[in-house]
Amino acid sequence: MHLVRDRRSALDDILSKHVLLPVIRAEYGMVLQAGKIYLIVENTTLTVEDGLLKVKERDSLPINSSVNILFNSLADDFREKAIVIILSGGGDDGLKGAEKIEEMGGMVLVQDPFSAEVTGMPYSVIRGNHAAAILKPAALARLINNLV
């Protein structure tokens, strides 16, 4: 819902009320920094190259592949240091990117579908057998905290 082409996403406002970290709408050329949450904004795709965010206008295809695009770039840039989380969402965006993260030695974590409002994305990665862990969001947060 937050990546609809023609409407400003409110996800940054929503997340800011529930996390202690700063939530930032990604802009071209930003340097990735620890302790911040970067959001893909509406009608764009986001990649990472040499630790810099690259924001580009989305193509005209009706299927949104923003998660796969981001995960593929993270796999290339961070290789075995990449950690990604698939949360509640529809469709299978993220599956191909999760495969590449795993192939490059990174880690794929997935929200337990029983705790997800929309289960398409979590189930697609689980069915593809690419999840290192399947946990509820609070447990995912604890795991990430322990890993980093």
Protein backbone atom coordinates (compact mmCIF):
# COMPACT_ATOMS: atom_id res chain seq x y z
CA MET A 1 0.00 0.00 0.00
CA HIS A 2 2.83 2.43 0.77
CA LEU A 3 4.29 2.17 -2.73
CA VAL A 4 1.27 3.31 -4.73
CA ARG A 5 2.57 5.39 -7.64
CA ASP A 6 0.44 8.49 -7.31
CA ARG A 7 0.06 8.99 -3.56
CA ARG A 8 2.62 10.05 -0.94
CA SER A 9 3.35 7.20 1.42
CA ALA A 10 2.64 7.81 5.10
CA LEU A 11 4.77 4.86 6.21
CA ASP A 12 7.48 7.14 7.59
CA ASP A 13 4.92 8.89 9.83
CA ILE A 14 3.41 5.57 10.90
CA LEU A 15 6.74 3.87 11.67
CA SER A 16 8.12 6.90 13.52
CA LYS A 17 5.45 6.44 16.18
CA HIS A 18 6.58 2.86 16.89
CA VAL A 19 10.38 2.87 16.68
CA LEU A 20 13.20 4.70 18.40
CA LEU A 21 15.36 4.96 15.28
CA PRO A 22 15.02 7.84 12.82
CA VAL A 23 12.88 6.95 9.80
CA ILE A 24 14.15 8.54 6.59
CA ARG A 25 12.60 8.71 3.14
CA ALA A 26 15.43 7.54 0.87
CA GLU A 27 17.01 10.10 -1.46
CA TYR A 28 19.58 9.62 -4.20
CA GLY A 29 23.17 9.67 -2.94
CA MET A 30 22.46 9.23 0.77
CA VAL A 31 25.17 7.35 2.62
CA LEU A 32 23.83 4.34 4.49
CA GLN A 33 24.35 4.79 8.20
CA ALA A 34 23.78 2.41 11.08
CA GLY A 35 20.89 3.14 13.39
CA LYS A 36 18.54 4.55 10.75
CA ILE A 37 15.57 3.17 8.86
CA TYR A 38 15.51 4.06 5.16
CA LEU A 39 12.23 3.80 3.25
CA ILE A 40 11.65 3.33 -0.46
CA VAL A 41 9.34 6.16 -1.47
CA GLU A 42 6.38 5.97 -3.79
CA ASN A 43 6.93 5.49 -7.53
CA THR A 44 10.64 4.69 -7.12
CA THR A 45 13.05 1.82 -6.85
CA LEU A 46 15.97 1.82 -4.46
CA THR A 47 19.37 0.21 -4.87
CA VAL A 48 22.63 0.35 -2.95
CA GLU A 49 25.99 0.77 -4.62
CA ASP A 50 29.22 1.22 -2.67
CA GLY A 51 27.17 2.06 0.43
CA LEU A 52 25.23 4.84 -1.33
CA LEU A 53 21.50 4.84 -1.95
CA LYS A 54 20.41 5.12 -5.57
CA VAL A 55 16.80 6.17 -6.09
CA LYS A 56 15.28 5.85 -9.53
CA GLU A 57 11.79 6.38 -10.92
CA ARG A 58 9.90 3.09 -11.23
CA ASP A 59 9.42 1.61 -14.67
CA SER A 60 5.96 1.55 -16.22
CA LEU A 61 5.34 -2.17 -15.66
CA PRO A 62 2.22 -2.88 -13.58
CA ILE A 63 4.01 -5.34 -11.29
CA ASN A 64 6.08 -3.68 -8.58
CA SER A 65 9.44 -5.42 -8.09
CA SER A 66 10.96 -2.84 -5.75
CA VAL A 67 11.85 -5.37 -3.04
CA ASN A 68 13.60 -7.72 -5.48
CA ILE A 69 15.53 -4.81 -6.97
CA LEU A 70 16.69 -3.63 -3.54
CA PHE A 71 17.57 -7.12 -2.29
CA ASN A 72 19.57 -7.90 -5.46
CA SER A 73 21.62 -4.75 -5.00
CA LEU A 74 22.17 -5.51 -1.29
CA ALA A 75 23.40 -8.99 -2.23
CA ASP A 76 25.87 -7.50 -4.71
CA ASP A 77 27.07 -4.72 -2.39
CA PHE A 78 27.13 -6.45 1.00
CA ARG A 79 27.37 -10.13 0.03
CA GLU A 80 27.55 -12.27 3.22
CA LYS A 81 26.93 -9.21 5.44
CA ALA A 82 23.47 -8.58 3.97
CA ILE A 83 20.53 -9.28 6.27
CA VAL A 84 17.01 -8.77 4.95
CA ILE A 85 13.60 -9.21 6.50
CA ILE A 86 10.39 -10.07 4.66
CA LEU A 87 7.39 -8.72 6.55
CA SER A 88 3.67 -8.72 5.88
CA GLY A 89 2.88 -8.02 2.22
CA GLY A 90 1.11 -9.33 -0.84
CA GLY A 91 2.51 -11.11 -3.85
CA ASP A 92 5.95 -12.61 -4.22
CA ASP A 93 8.12 -9.50 -4.50
CA GLY A 94 11.24 -10.27 -2.51
CA LEU A 95 11.50 -13.96 -3.46
CA LYS A 96 14.07 -13.57 -6.26
CA GLY A 97 16.04 -11.08 -4.19
CA ALA A 98 15.96 -13.43 -1.19
CA GLU A 99 17.38 -16.18 -3.38
CA LYS A 100 20.28 -13.93 -4.38
CA ILE A 101 20.89 -12.80 -0.78
CA GLU A 102 21.13 -16.45 0.25
CA GLU A 103 23.31 -17.34 -2.76
CA MET A 104 25.78 -14.58 -1.79
CA GLY A 105 25.96 -15.82 1.81
CA GLY A 106 23.62 -13.27 3.38
CA MET A 107 20.71 -13.96 5.70
CA VAL A 108 16.97 -13.89 4.98
CA LEU A 109 14.56 -13.56 7.88
CA VAL A 110 10.79 -13.84 7.49
CA GLN A 111 7.83 -12.76 9.57
CA ASP A 112 5.79 -15.69 10.78
CA PRO A 113 2.77 -15.65 8.44
CA PHE A 114 0.44 -16.34 11.36
CA SER A 115 1.41 -12.91 12.73
CA ALA A 116 1.25 -11.14 9.35
CA GLU A 117 -1.75 -9.17 8.18
CA VAL A 118 -0.97 -10.04 4.54
CA THR A 119 0.83 -13.35 4.00
CA GLY A 120 1.82 -13.46 0.31
CA MET A 121 5.39 -12.23 0.64
CA PRO A 122 6.29 -14.26 3.75
CA TYR A 123 4.80 -17.46 2.31
CA SER A 124 6.53 -17.04 -1.06
CA VAL A 125 9.97 -16.88 0.59
CA ILE A 126 9.14 -19.73 2.97
CA ARG A 127 7.93 -21.92 0.08
CA GLY A 128 11.14 -21.07 -1.77
CA ASN A 129 13.03 -22.43 1.27
CA HIS A 130 15.13 -19.29 1.69
CA ALA A 131 14.37 -18.28 5.29
CA ALA A 132 17.10 -18.59 7.90
CA ALA A 133 14.44 -17.85 10.53
CA ILE A 134 10.65 -17.46 10.62
CA LEU A 135 9.61 -15.42 13.65
CA LYS A 136 7.10 -12.90 14.95
CA PRO A 137 8.20 -9.24 14.54
CA ALA A 138 9.38 -8.78 18.14
CA ALA A 139 11.53 -11.91 17.91
CA LEU A 140 12.91 -10.73 14.55
CA ALA A 141 13.92 -7.45 16.20
CA ARG A 142 15.68 -9.29 19.03
CA LEU A 143 17.48 -11.53 16.55
CA ILE A 144 18.68 -8.56 14.48
CA ASN A 145 19.84 -6.83 17.64
CA ASN A 146 21.83 -9.92 18.63
CA LEU A 147 23.30 -10.33 15.15
CA VAL A 148 24.56 -6.80 14.78
